[in-house]
Amino acid sequence: MSTASAQPDVVYFNLGRVWTMALTTLIEMTRQKVFYFMIVFGLLMIGTASFFSIFSFGEEAQYITQLKFIKDTGLGAVSVFGSIIAIVATAQLLPAELENRTIYTILAKPVHRSEFLLGKFVGVTLLLTISVALMGTLFLGVVFIKDQHLSGSIYHETVEAAESVVASQPGMTPATKEKVMADAHQRATQSADEIHKTAGYRDILKALATTLIKLWLVAAITLMLSAMATSMVFTVVMSAMLYFGGHLVPVAQKFYATSKTLPGEWMSFVVTWIVPNLAAFDVADDLFAGDLLPWLKVLKILSYGLFYLLVTLTLAHLLFREREI
């Protein structure tokens, strides 16, 4: 009589458990007051950008520059407040689980550490996506309202100026009057079209996409630091330092590019290939200059962000797998 040897049950990676963990994480984070504070401040900053745009200066200050100011301010608000949410919300994920001791209950079940970590990250990405969607919707709404107001104003001003010229010259022939008014309508239409073009709704959507990828990467970096740190304060401080350092990568690259010393060459290698260039995700300068944002550039930015995102999550998994809990 042969006895079959008992085989241990094998628990495979399951996306369903990851999704469940993500939804739970999302619900927990939406109950935190800091999330609503950052969202409200971001919305207020975007909403008031239309008012402060009237104080912009330049030859086109009355029309074009106002739209450029709103676009620059709105995109900056989405990036800054989204980054604060990404760092603060992500930094407290693992410490909160350890403090409440819920992580022991979760990992005691057939749940891989990779599923736990990935679920937390997906929950953060959902929160960031919702945040960008809310601020981005208001952003586009403010740009649209300002676009309609400015284009309507410049059209009526141009036509009214032509009507004043015609009224001030009673001896003008009907043919001349008709020509003056036709030219005025043409100039007014061209000016309004220029304002519509400056609004650049498609470019704003592209900029929001690159900003969202940057926020995901910032969250991934914070999660990686949290996987090896024991203090939430340490994680927040280090994440903030890497955030600012990532935006200074182009400056560091130029500084170390001409270095002939060994430390300088090592630093050049680090800032070029290791530290993610977060400044590459910021396309506000393109929007402010009124330049079109080509899809090729957007795809390059998204590919760059996804590559570093994959590398960072892999490192976070390796660190969390070896951590004693």
C-alpha atoms as a PDB file:
ATOM      1  CA  MET A   1       0.000   0.000   0.000  1.00  0.00           C
ATOM      2  CA  SER A   2       1.628   3.179  -1.134  1.00  0.00           C
ATOM      3  CA  THR A   3       1.087   6.472   0.578  1.00  0.00           C
ATOM      4  CA  ALA A   4       1.159   9.595  -1.544  1.00  0.00           C
ATOM      5  CA  SER A   5       3.429  12.240  -0.113  1.00  0.00           C
ATOM      6  CA  ALA A   6       1.627  15.356   0.938  1.00  0.00           C
ATOM      7  CA  GLN A   7       2.416  18.282  -1.297  1.00  0.00           C
ATOM      8  CA  PRO A   8       2.452  21.784   0.242  1.00  0.00           C
ATOM      9  CA  ASP A   9      -0.129  24.173  -1.113  1.00  0.00           C
ATOM     10  CA  VAL A  10       1.366  26.724  -3.475  1.00  0.00           C
ATOM     11  CA  VAL A  11      -0.081  30.240  -3.346  1.00  0.00           C
ATOM     12  CA  TYR A  12       0.301  31.989  -6.660  1.00  0.00           C
ATOM     13  CA  PHE A  13       0.357  35.693  -7.340  1.00  0.00           C
ATOM     14  CA  ASN A  14      -3.208  36.938  -7.694  1.00  0.00           C
ATOM     15  CA  LEU A  15      -4.275  40.231  -9.243  1.00  0.00           C
ATOM     16  CA  GLY A  16      -7.633  39.978  -7.494  1.00  0.00           C
ATOM     17  CA  ARG A  17      -5.967  40.282  -4.099  1.00  0.00           C
ATOM     18  CA  VAL A  18      -3.897  43.208  -5.397  1.00  0.00           C
ATOM     19  CA  TRP A  19      -7.045  45.010  -6.547  1.00  0.00           C
ATOM     20  CA  THR A  20      -8.808  44.347  -3.243  1.00  0.00           C
ATOM     21  CA  MET A  21      -5.797  45.740  -1.388  1.00  0.00           C
ATOM     22  CA  ALA A  22      -5.767  48.780  -3.696  1.00  0.00           C
ATOM     23  CA  LEU A  23      -9.434  49.608  -3.110  1.00  0.00           C
ATOM     24  CA  THR A  24      -8.994  49.230   0.649  1.00  0.00           C
ATOM     25  CA  THR A  25      -5.980  51.526   0.544  1.00  0.00           C
ATOM     26  CA  LEU A  26      -7.869  54.089  -1.542  1.00  0.00           C
ATOM     27  CA  ILE A  27     -10.785  54.135   0.908  1.00  0.00           C
ATOM     28  CA  GLU A  28      -8.439  54.541   3.867  1.00  0.00           C
ATOM     29  CA  MET A  29      -6.561  57.438   2.285  1.00  0.00           C
ATOM     30  CA  THR A  30      -9.712  59.297   1.226  1.00  0.00           C
ATOM     31  CA  ARG A  31     -10.696  59.417   4.899  1.00  0.00           C
ATOM     32  CA  GLN A  32      -7.589  61.419   5.769  1.00  0.00           C
ATOM     33  CA  LYS A  33      -7.947  65.171   6.169  1.00  0.00           C
ATOM     34  CA  VAL A  34      -4.616  65.964   4.523  1.00  0.00           C
ATOM     35  CA  PHE A  35      -5.973  64.687   1.213  1.00  0.00           C
ATOM     36  CA  TYR A  36      -8.907  67.103   1.282  1.00  0.00           C
ATOM     37  CA  PHE A  37      -6.733  70.005   2.450  1.00  0.00           C
ATOM     38  CA  MET A  38      -4.346  69.572  -0.480  1.00  0.00           C
ATOM     39  CA  ILE A  39      -7.181  69.167  -2.972  1.00  0.00           C
ATOM     40  CA  VAL A  40      -8.987  72.262  -1.681  1.00  0.00           C
ATOM     41  CA  PHE A  41      -5.812  74.362  -1.738  1.00  0.00           C
ATOM     42  CA  GLY A  42      -5.025  73.158  -5.246  1.00  0.00           C
ATOM     43  CA  LEU A  43      -8.530  73.964  -6.466  1.00  0.00           C
ATOM     44  CA  LEU A  44      -8.417  77.412  -4.848  1.00  0.00           C
ATOM     45  CA  MET A  45      -5.079  78.206  -6.459  1.00  0.00           C
ATOM     46  CA  ILE A  46      -6.327  77.136  -9.878  1.00  0.00           C
ATOM     47  CA  GLY A  47      -9.613  78.981  -9.419  1.00  0.00           C
ATOM     48  CA  THR A  48      -7.977  82.268  -8.393  1.00  0.00           C
ATOM     49  CA  ALA A  49      -5.441  82.113 -11.234  1.00  0.00           C
ATOM     50  CA  SER A  50      -7.998  83.749 -13.537  1.00  0.00           C
ATOM     51  CA  PHE A  51      -8.239  86.757 -11.222  1.00  0.00           C
ATOM     52  CA  PHE A  52      -4.497  87.210 -10.742  1.00  0.00           C
ATOM     53  CA  SER A  53      -3.884  86.845 -14.485  1.00  0.00           C
ATOM     54  CA  ILE A  54      -5.088  90.424 -15.027  1.00  0.00           C
ATOM     55  CA  PHE A  55      -1.925  91.622 -13.240  1.00  0.00           C
ATOM     56  CA  SER A  56       0.376  89.979 -15.796  1.00  0.00           C
ATOM     57  CA  PHE A  57       2.569  92.296 -17.823  1.00  0.00           C
ATOM     58  CA  GLY A  58       3.772  92.393 -21.405  1.00  0.00           C
ATOM     59  CA  GLU A  59       2.708  93.462 -24.845  1.00  0.00           C
ATOM     60  CA  GLU A  60       0.001  90.778 -24.868  1.00  0.00           C
ATOM     61  CA  ALA A  61      -0.922  91.196 -21.197  1.00  0.00           C
ATOM     62  CA  GLN A  62      -4.558  91.961 -21.897  1.00  0.00           C
ATOM     63  CA  TYR A  63      -5.182  88.757 -23.804  1.00  0.00           C
ATOM     64  CA  ILE A  64      -2.560  86.143 -24.656  1.00  0.00           C
ATOM     65  CA  THR A  65      -0.386  86.517 -21.556  1.00  0.00           C
ATOM     66  CA  GLN A  66      -3.380  86.122 -19.268  1.00  0.00           C
ATOM     67  CA  LEU A  67      -4.100  82.689 -20.712  1.00  0.00           C
ATOM     68  CA  LYS A  68      -0.436  81.726 -20.512  1.00  0.00           C
ATOM     69  CA  PHE A  69      -0.356  82.799 -16.853  1.00  0.00           C
ATOM     70  CA  ILE A  70      -3.410  80.676 -16.040  1.00  0.00           C
ATOM     71  CA  LYS A  71      -1.921  77.636 -17.791  1.00  0.00           C
ATOM     72  CA  ASP A  72       1.419  78.009 -16.010  1.00  0.00           C
ATOM     73  CA  THR A  73      -0.194  78.545 -12.602  1.00  0.00           C
ATOM     74  CA  GLY A  74      -2.753  75.772 -13.018  1.00  0.00           C
ATOM     75  CA  LEU A  75      -0.245  73.166 -14.124  1.00  0.00           C
ATOM     76  CA  GLY A  76       2.117  74.215 -11.336  1.00  0.00           C
ATOM     77  CA  ALA A  77      -0.658  73.803  -8.766  1.00  0.00           C
ATOM     78  CA  VAL A  78      -1.477  70.310 -10.018  1.00  0.00           C
ATOM     79  CA  SER A  79       2.196  69.323  -9.859  1.00  0.00           C
ATOM     80  CA  VAL A  80       2.992  70.810  -6.433  1.00  0.00           C
ATOM     81  CA  PHE A  81      -0.122  69.761  -4.530  1.00  0.00           C
ATOM     82  CA  GLY A  82      -0.179  66.396  -6.284  1.00  0.00           C
ATOM     83  CA  SER A  83       3.436  65.807  -5.208  1.00  0.00           C
ATOM     84  CA  ILE A  84       2.587  66.660  -1.594  1.00  0.00           C
ATOM     85  CA  ILE A  85      -0.257  64.143  -1.696  1.00  0.00           C
ATOM     86  CA  ALA A  86       2.009  61.532  -3.301  1.00  0.00           C
ATOM     87  CA  ILE A  87       4.725  61.906  -0.649  1.00  0.00           C
ATOM     88  CA  VAL A  88       2.595  62.295   2.477  1.00  0.00           C
ATOM     89  CA  ALA A  89      -0.014  59.682   1.576  1.00  0.00           C
ATOM     90  CA  THR A  90       2.550  57.077   0.499  1.00  0.00           C
ATOM     91  CA  ALA A  91       4.960  57.680   3.397  1.00  0.00           C
ATOM     92  CA  GLN A  92       2.392  56.674   5.994  1.00  0.00           C
ATOM     93  CA  LEU A  93       1.137  53.503   4.324  1.00  0.00           C
ATOM     94  CA  LEU A  94       3.575  50.985   5.809  1.00  0.00           C
ATOM     95  CA  PRO A  95       4.112  52.774   9.173  1.00  0.00           C
ATOM     96  CA  ALA A  96       0.344  52.883   9.710  1.00  0.00           C
ATOM     97  CA  GLU A  97       0.016  49.166   8.955  1.00  0.00           C
ATOM     98  CA  LEU A  98       2.853  48.373  11.376  1.00  0.00           C
ATOM     99  CA  GLU A  99       1.507  50.649  14.090  1.00  0.00           C
ATOM    100  CA  ASN A 100      -1.991  49.187  13.852  1.00  0.00           C
ATOM    101  CA  ARG A 101      -0.465  45.684  13.508  1.00  0.00           C
ATOM    102  CA  THR A 102      -2.840  44.972  10.625  1.00  0.00           C
ATOM    103  CA  ILE A 103       0.093  43.986   8.413  1.00  0.00           C
ATOM    104  CA  TYR A 104       0.619  40.840  10.516  1.00  0.00           C
ATOM    105  CA  THR A 105      -2.974  39.765   9.969  1.00  0.00           C
ATOM    106  CA  ILE A 106      -2.769  40.424   6.238  1.00  0.00           C
ATOM    107  CA  LEU A 107       0.543  38.649   5.655  1.00  0.00           C
ATOM    108  CA  ALA A 108      -0.547  35.724   7.827  1.00  0.00           C
ATOM    109  CA  LYS A 109      -3.138  34.986   5.161  1.00  0.00           C
ATOM    110  CA  PRO A 110      -2.142  33.620   1.749  1.00  0.00           C
ATOM    111  CA  VAL A 111      -0.995  37.045   0.590  1.00  0.00           C
ATOM    112  CA  HIS A 112       2.405  37.622  -0.962  1.00  0.00           C
ATOM    113  CA  ARG A 113       4.441  40.593   0.151  1.00  0.00           C
ATOM    114  CA  SER A 114       4.590  41.626  -3.484  1.00  0.00           C
ATOM    115  CA  GLU A 115       0.782  41.616  -3.627  1.00  0.00           C
ATOM    116  CA  PHE A 116       0.614  43.693  -0.455  1.00  0.00           C
ATOM    117  CA  LEU A 117       3.146  46.252  -1.698  1.00  0.00           C
ATOM    118  CA  LEU A 118       1.720  46.459  -5.215  1.00  0.00           C
ATOM    119  CA  GLY A 119      -1.798  46.813  -3.845  1.00  0.00           C
ATOM    120  CA  LYS A 120      -0.705  49.730  -1.704  1.00  0.00           C
ATOM    121  CA  PHE A 121       0.947  51.385  -4.676  1.00  0.00           C
ATOM    122  CA  VAL A 122      -2.053  50.890  -6.963  1.00  0.00           C
ATOM    123  CA  GLY A 123      -4.240  52.438  -4.255  1.00  0.00           C
ATOM    124  CA  VAL A 124      -1.980  55.499  -4.208  1.00  0.00           C
ATOM    125  CA  THR A 125      -2.043  55.766  -8.010  1.00  0.00           C
ATOM    126  CA  LEU A 126      -5.851  55.696  -7.925  1.00  0.00           C
ATOM    127  CA  LEU A 127      -5.834  58.501  -5.359  1.00  0.00           C
ATOM    128  CA  LEU A 128      -3.405  60.548  -7.456  1.00  0.00           C
ATOM    129  CA  THR A 129      -5.403  59.925 -10.618  1.00  0.00           C
ATOM    130  CA  ILE A 130      -8.580  61.140  -8.909  1.00  0.00           C
ATOM    131  CA  SER A 131      -6.738  64.192  -7.572  1.00  0.00           C
ATOM    132  CA  VAL A 132      -5.331  65.117 -10.993  1.00  0.00           C
ATOM    133  CA  ALA A 133      -8.740  64.518 -12.578  1.00  0.00           C
ATOM    134  CA  LEU A 134     -10.427  66.910 -10.123  1.00  0.00           C
ATOM    135  CA  MET A 135      -7.804  69.640 -10.409  1.00  0.00           C
ATOM    136  CA  GLY A 136      -7.419  69.099 -14.153  1.00  0.00           C
ATOM    137  CA  THR A 137     -11.165  69.456 -14.732  1.00  0.00           C
ATOM    138  CA  LEU A 138     -11.249  72.774 -12.894  1.00  0.00           C
ATOM    139  CA  PHE A 139      -8.061  73.811 -14.696  1.00  0.00           C
ATOM    140  CA  LEU A 140      -9.612  73.190 -18.108  1.00  0.00           C
ATOM    141  CA  GLY A 141     -12.822  74.917 -16.988  1.00  0.00           C
ATOM    142  CA  VAL A 142     -10.963  78.071 -15.924  1.00  0.00           C
ATOM    143  CA  VAL A 143      -9.005  78.146 -19.196  1.00  0.00           C
ATOM    144  CA  PHE A 144     -12.217  77.673 -21.209  1.00  0.00           C
ATOM    145  CA  ILE A 145     -14.057  80.478 -19.395  1.00  0.00           C
ATOM    146  CA  LYS A 146     -11.109  82.844 -19.765  1.00  0.00           C
ATOM    147  CA  ASP A 147     -10.725  81.847 -23.421  1.00  0.00           C
ATOM    148  CA  GLN A 148     -14.354  82.657 -24.178  1.00  0.00           C
ATOM    149  CA  HIS A 149     -14.224  85.920 -22.253  1.00  0.00           C
ATOM    150  CA  LEU A 150     -11.018  87.204 -23.849  1.00  0.00           C
ATOM    151  CA  SER A 151     -11.885  86.134 -27.385  1.00  0.00           C
ATOM    152  CA  GLY A 152     -15.320  87.762 -27.066  1.00  0.00           C
ATOM    153  CA  SER A 153     -13.828  90.943 -25.590  1.00  0.00           C
ATOM    154  CA  ILE A 154     -11.182  91.395 -28.285  1.00  0.00           C
ATOM    155  CA  TYR A 155     -13.726  90.720 -31.035  1.00  0.00           C
ATOM    156  CA  HIS A 156     -16.187  93.338 -29.754  1.00  0.00           C
ATOM    157  CA  GLU A 157     -13.435  95.870 -29.037  1.00  0.00           C
ATOM    158  CA  THR A 158     -12.044  95.574 -32.562  1.00  0.00           C
ATOM    159  CA  VAL A 159     -15.475  95.882 -34.185  1.00  0.00           C
ATOM    160  CA  GLU A 160     -16.511  98.773 -31.929  1.00  0.00           C
ATOM    161  CA  ALA A 161     -13.278 100.623 -32.728  1.00  0.00           C
ATOM    162  CA  ALA A 162     -14.020 100.286 -36.456  1.00  0.00           C
ATOM    163  CA  GLU A 163     -17.584 101.489 -35.943  1.00  0.00           C
ATOM    164  CA  SER A 164     -16.259 104.542 -34.106  1.00  0.00           C
ATOM    165  CA  VAL A 165     -13.945 105.325 -37.021  1.00  0.00           C
ATOM    166  CA  VAL A 166     -16.814 105.021 -39.490  1.00  0.00           C
ATOM    167  CA  ALA A 167     -19.089 107.185 -37.331  1.00  0.00           C
ATOM    168  CA  SER A 168     -16.422 109.885 -36.966  1.00  0.00           C
ATOM    169  CA  GLN A 169     -16.129 110.258 -40.757  1.00  0.00           C
ATOM    170  CA  PRO A 170     -19.605 111.003 -42.160  1.00  0.00           C
ATOM    171  CA  GLY A 171     -18.183 111.705 -45.617  1.00  0.00           C
ATOM    172  CA  MET A 172     -16.985 108.126 -46.033  1.00  0.00           C
ATOM    173  CA  THR A 173     -18.555 106.334 -48.975  1.00  0.00           C
ATOM    174  CA  PRO A 174     -20.688 103.214 -48.362  1.00  0.00           C
ATOM    175  CA  ALA A 175     -18.133 101.052 -50.155  1.00  0.00           C
ATOM    176  CA  THR A 176     -15.337 102.359 -47.951  1.00  0.00           C
ATOM    177  CA  LYS A 177     -17.438 101.825 -44.812  1.00  0.00           C
ATOM    178  CA  GLU A 178     -18.158  98.270 -45.851  1.00  0.00           C
ATOM    179  CA  LYS A 179     -14.465  97.624 -46.504  1.00  0.00           C
ATOM    180  CA  VAL A 180     -13.457  99.093 -43.112  1.00  0.00           C
ATOM    181  CA  MET A 181     -15.991  96.955 -41.268  1.00  0.00           C
ATOM    182  CA  ALA A 182     -15.050  93.829 -43.250  1.00  0.00           C
ATOM    183  CA  ASP A 183     -11.381  94.361 -42.383  1.00  0.00           C
ATOM    184  CA  ALA A 184     -12.321  94.914 -38.743  1.00  0.00           C
ATOM    185  CA  HIS A 185     -14.318  91.663 -38.613  1.00  0.00           C
ATOM    186  CA  GLN A 186     -11.412  89.810 -40.212  1.00  0.00           C
ATOM    187  CA  ARG A 187      -8.898  91.209 -37.696  1.00  0.00           C
ATOM    188  CA  ALA A 188     -11.263  90.443 -34.827  1.00  0.00           C
ATOM    189  CA  THR A 189     -11.728  86.868 -36.006  1.00  0.00           C
ATOM    190  CA  GLN A 190      -7.986  86.370 -36.392  1.00  0.00           C
ATOM    191  CA  SER A 191      -7.338  87.757 -32.893  1.00  0.00           C
ATOM    192  CA  ALA A 192     -10.028  85.513 -31.390  1.00  0.00           C
ATOM    193  CA  ASP A 193      -8.591  82.499 -33.230  1.00  0.00           C
ATOM    194  CA  GLU A 194      -5.137  83.329 -31.843  1.00  0.00           C
ATOM    195  CA  ILE A 195      -6.557  83.306 -28.321  1.00  0.00           C
ATOM    196  CA  HIS A 196      -8.317  79.967 -28.958  1.00  0.00           C
ATOM    197  CA  LYS A 197      -5.020  78.573 -30.239  1.00  0.00           C
ATOM    198  CA  THR A 198      -3.188  79.826 -27.143  1.00  0.00           C
ATOM    199  CA  ALA A 199      -5.683  78.010 -24.897  1.00  0.00           C
ATOM    200  CA  GLY A 200      -4.326  74.695 -26.266  1.00  0.00           C
ATOM    201  CA  TYR A 201      -6.718  72.245 -24.590  1.00  0.00           C
ATOM    202  CA  ARG A 202      -5.048  69.180 -26.129  1.00  0.00           C
ATOM    203  CA  ASP A 203      -1.635  70.330 -24.926  1.00  0.00           C
ATOM    204  CA  ILE A 204      -3.052  70.839 -21.435  1.00  0.00           C
ATOM    205  CA  LEU A 205      -4.304  67.239 -21.436  1.00  0.00           C
ATOM    206  CA  LYS A 206      -0.865  66.043 -22.556  1.00  0.00           C
ATOM    207  CA  ALA A 207       0.773  68.086 -19.793  1.00  0.00           C
ATOM    208  CA  LEU A 208      -1.608  66.611 -17.214  1.00  0.00           C
ATOM    209  CA  ALA A 209      -0.664  63.113 -18.426  1.00  0.00           C
ATOM    210  CA  THR A 210       3.065  63.762 -17.998  1.00  0.00           C
ATOM    211  CA  THR A 211       2.405  65.313 -14.575  1.00  0.00           C
ATOM    212  CA  LEU A 212       0.415  62.260 -13.492  1.00  0.00           C
ATOM    213  CA  ILE A 213       3.246  59.919 -14.495  1.00  0.00           C
ATOM    214  CA  LYS A 214       5.646  62.075 -12.477  1.00  0.00           C
ATOM    215  CA  LEU A 215       3.370  61.850  -9.434  1.00  0.00           C
ATOM    216  CA  TRP A 216       3.243  58.055  -9.785  1.00  0.00           C
ATOM    217  CA  LEU A 217       7.041  57.992  -9.889  1.00  0.00           C
ATOM    218  CA  VAL A 218       7.282  60.227  -6.812  1.00  0.00           C
ATOM    219  CA  ALA A 219       4.908  57.866  -4.996  1.00  0.00           C
ATOM    220  CA  ALA A 220       7.004  54.863  -6.077  1.00  0.00           C
ATOM    221  CA  ILE A 221      10.187  56.511  -4.790  1.00  0.00           C
ATOM    222  CA  THR A 222       8.481  57.260  -1.468  1.00  0.00           C
ATOM    223  CA  LEU A 223       7.227  53.674  -1.229  1.00  0.00           C
ATOM    224  CA  MET A 224      10.742  52.360  -1.892  1.00  0.00           C
ATOM    225  CA  LEU A 225      12.151  54.500   0.928  1.00  0.00           C
ATOM    226  CA  SER A 226       9.300  53.482   3.211  1.00  0.00           C
ATOM    227  CA  ALA A 227      10.042  49.805   2.534  1.00  0.00           C
ATOM    228  CA  MET A 228      13.403  50.120   4.284  1.00  0.00           C
ATOM    229  CA  ALA A 229      12.766  52.987   6.723  1.00  0.00           C
ATOM    230  CA  THR A 230      11.274  52.732  10.198  1.00  0.00           C
ATOM    231  CA  SER A 231      10.221  56.366  10.518  1.00  0.00           C
ATOM    232  CA  MET A 232       7.582  58.193   8.532  1.00  0.00           C
ATOM    233  CA  VAL A 233       9.383  61.501   9.114  1.00  0.00           C
ATOM    234  CA  PHE A 234      12.577  60.090   7.604  1.00  0.00           C
ATOM    235  CA  THR A 235      10.646  58.862   4.559  1.00  0.00           C
ATOM    236  CA  VAL A 236       8.949  62.230   4.023  1.00  0.00           C
ATOM    237  CA  VAL A 237      12.208  64.199   4.400  1.00  0.00           C
ATOM    238  CA  MET A 238      14.197  61.919   2.101  1.00  0.00           C
ATOM    239  CA  SER A 239      11.404  61.826  -0.478  1.00  0.00           C
ATOM    240  CA  ALA A 240      11.196  65.622  -0.448  1.00  0.00           C
ATOM    241  CA  MET A 241      14.979  65.866  -0.900  1.00  0.00           C
ATOM    242  CA  LEU A 242      14.879  63.442  -3.834  1.00  0.00           C
ATOM    243  CA  TYR A 243      11.946  65.363  -5.269  1.00  0.00           C
ATOM    244  CA  PHE A 244      13.847  68.651  -5.288  1.00  0.00           C
ATOM    245  CA  GLY A 245      17.049  66.895  -6.312  1.00  0.00           C
ATOM    246  CA  GLY A 246      15.266  65.256  -9.235  1.00  0.00           C
ATOM    247  CA  HIS A 247      14.221  68.677 -10.518  1.00  0.00           C
ATOM    248  CA  LEU A 248      17.845  69.870 -10.306  1.00  0.00           C
ATOM    249  CA  VAL A 249      19.229  66.980 -12.381  1.00  0.00           C
ATOM    250  CA  PRO A 250      19.669  69.087 -15.581  1.00  0.00           C
ATOM    251  CA  VAL A 251      21.653  71.668 -13.597  1.00  0.00           C
ATOM    252  CA  ALA A 252      23.822  68.947 -12.032  1.00  0.00           C
ATOM    253  CA  GLN A 253      24.396  67.329 -15.409  1.00  0.00           C
ATOM    254  CA  LYS A 254      25.728  70.569 -16.858  1.00  0.00           C
ATOM    255  CA  PHE A 255      27.884  71.150 -13.787  1.00  0.00           C
ATOM    256  CA  TYR A 256      29.532  67.708 -13.793  1.00  0.00           C
ATOM    257  CA  ALA A 257      29.668  67.291 -17.585  1.00  0.00           C
ATOM    258  CA  THR A 258      33.047  69.009 -17.869  1.00  0.00           C
ATOM    259  CA  SER A 259      34.530  67.485 -14.710  1.00  0.00           C
ATOM    260  CA  LYS A 260      37.835  65.643 -15.184  1.00  0.00           C
ATOM    261  CA  THR A 261      38.133  64.288 -11.637  1.00  0.00           C
ATOM    262  CA  LEU A 262      37.033  60.794 -10.600  1.00  0.00           C
ATOM    263  CA  PRO A 263      34.430  62.023  -8.050  1.00  0.00           C
ATOM    264  CA  GLY A 264      33.041  64.382 -10.650  1.00  0.00           C
ATOM    265  CA  GLU A 265      32.758  61.594 -13.206  1.00  0.00           C
ATOM    266  CA  TRP A 266      30.990  59.395 -10.665  1.00  0.00           C
ATOM    267  CA  MET A 267      28.557  62.189  -9.821  1.00  0.00           C
ATOM    268  CA  SER A 268      27.956  62.737 -13.521  1.00  0.00           C
ATOM    269  CA  PHE A 269      27.108  59.036 -13.860  1.00  0.00           C
ATOM    270  CA  VAL A 270      24.770  59.153 -10.853  1.00  0.00           C
ATOM    271  CA  VAL A 271      22.787  62.207 -11.948  1.00  0.00           C
ATOM    272  CA  THR A 272      22.576  60.937 -15.530  1.00  0.00           C
ATOM    273  CA  TRP A 273      21.667  57.272 -15.063  1.00  0.00           C
ATOM    274  CA  ILE A 274      20.494  56.722 -11.493  1.00  0.00           C
ATOM    275  CA  VAL A 275      18.616  59.768 -10.213  1.00  0.00           C
ATOM    276  CA  PRO A 276      15.387  60.217 -12.208  1.00  0.00           C
ATOM    277  CA  ASN A 277      15.164  63.538 -14.001  1.00  0.00           C
ATOM    278  CA  LEU A 278      11.853  64.859 -12.672  1.00  0.00           C
ATOM    279  CA  ALA A 279      12.344  68.119 -14.560  1.00  0.00           C
ATOM    280  CA  ALA A 280      11.812  66.172 -17.787  1.00  0.00           C
ATOM    281  CA  PHE A 281       8.127  65.761 -16.881  1.00  0.00           C
ATOM    282  CA  ASP A 282       7.513  69.502 -16.542  1.00  0.00           C
ATOM    283  CA  VAL A 283       6.271  70.974 -19.804  1.00  0.00           C
ATOM    284  CA  ALA A 284       4.894  74.197 -18.329  1.00  0.00           C
ATOM    285  CA  ASP A 285       7.530  76.219 -20.181  1.00  0.00           C
ATOM    286  CA  ASP A 286       6.228  74.869 -23.482  1.00  0.00           C
ATOM    287  CA  LEU A 287       2.670  75.812 -22.571  1.00  0.00           C
ATOM    288  CA  PHE A 288       3.673  79.276 -21.372  1.00  0.00           C
ATOM    289  CA  ALA A 289       5.644  79.921 -24.553  1.00  0.00           C
ATOM    290  CA  GLY A 290       2.619  78.862 -26.586  1.00  0.00           C
ATOM    291  CA  ASP A 291       4.551  76.093 -28.333  1.00  0.00           C
ATOM    292  CA  LEU A 292       2.749  72.983 -29.499  1.00  0.00           C
ATOM    293  CA  LEU A 293       3.525  69.876 -27.463  1.00  0.00           C
ATOM    294  CA  PRO A 294       4.243  67.079 -29.978  1.00  0.00           C
ATOM    295  CA  TRP A 295       3.029  63.568 -29.233  1.00  0.00           C
ATOM    296  CA  LEU A 296       6.538  62.198 -29.802  1.00  0.00           C
ATOM    297  CA  LYS A 297       7.880  64.251 -26.904  1.00  0.00           C
ATOM    298  CA  VAL A 298       4.971  63.173 -24.693  1.00  0.00           C
ATOM    299  CA  LEU A 299       5.527  59.496 -25.522  1.00  0.00           C
ATOM    300  CA  LYS A 300       9.245  59.834 -24.738  1.00  0.00           C
ATOM    301  CA  ILE A 301       8.407  61.358 -21.352  1.00  0.00           C
ATOM    302  CA  LEU A 302       5.840  58.658 -20.583  1.00  0.00           C
ATOM    303  CA  SER A 303       8.273  55.891 -21.595  1.00  0.00           C
ATOM    304  CA  TYR A 304      11.006  57.429 -19.442  1.00  0.00           C
ATOM    305  CA  GLY A 305       8.641  57.627 -16.471  1.00  0.00           C
ATOM    306  CA  LEU A 306       7.349  54.065 -16.866  1.00  0.00           C
ATOM    307  CA  PHE A 307      10.915  52.720 -17.062  1.00  0.00           C
ATOM    308  CA  TYR A 308      11.960  54.386 -13.813  1.00  0.00           C
ATOM    309  CA  LEU A 309       8.628  53.408 -12.278  1.00  0.00           C
ATOM    310  CA  LEU A 310       9.297  49.727 -13.013  1.00  0.00           C
ATOM    311  CA  VAL A 311      12.856  49.940 -11.671  1.00  0.00           C
ATOM    312  CA  THR A 312      11.759  51.736  -8.495  1.00  0.00           C
ATOM    313  CA  LEU A 313       8.943  49.286  -7.765  1.00  0.00           C
ATOM    314  CA  THR A 314      11.321  46.370  -8.302  1.00  0.00           C
ATOM    315  CA  LEU A 315      13.762  47.835  -5.775  1.00  0.00           C
ATOM    316  CA  ALA A 316      10.906  48.488  -3.353  1.00  0.00           C
ATOM    317  CA  HIS A 317       9.839  44.844  -3.636  1.00  0.00           C
ATOM    318  CA  LEU A 318      13.371  43.557  -3.029  1.00  0.00           C
ATOM    319  CA  LEU A 319      13.784  45.784   0.029  1.00  0.00           C
ATOM    320  CA  PHE A 320      10.381  44.900   1.470  1.00  0.00           C
ATOM    321  CA  ARG A 321      10.925  41.172   0.855  1.00  0.00           C
ATOM    322  CA  GLU A 322      14.099  41.187   2.988  1.00  0.00           C
ATOM    323  CA  ARG A 323      12.651  43.363   5.733  1.00  0.00           C
ATOM    324  CA  GLU A 324      11.942  41.717   9.060  1.00  0.00           C
ATOM    325  CA  ILE A 325       8.382  42.335  10.210  1.00  0.00           C
END
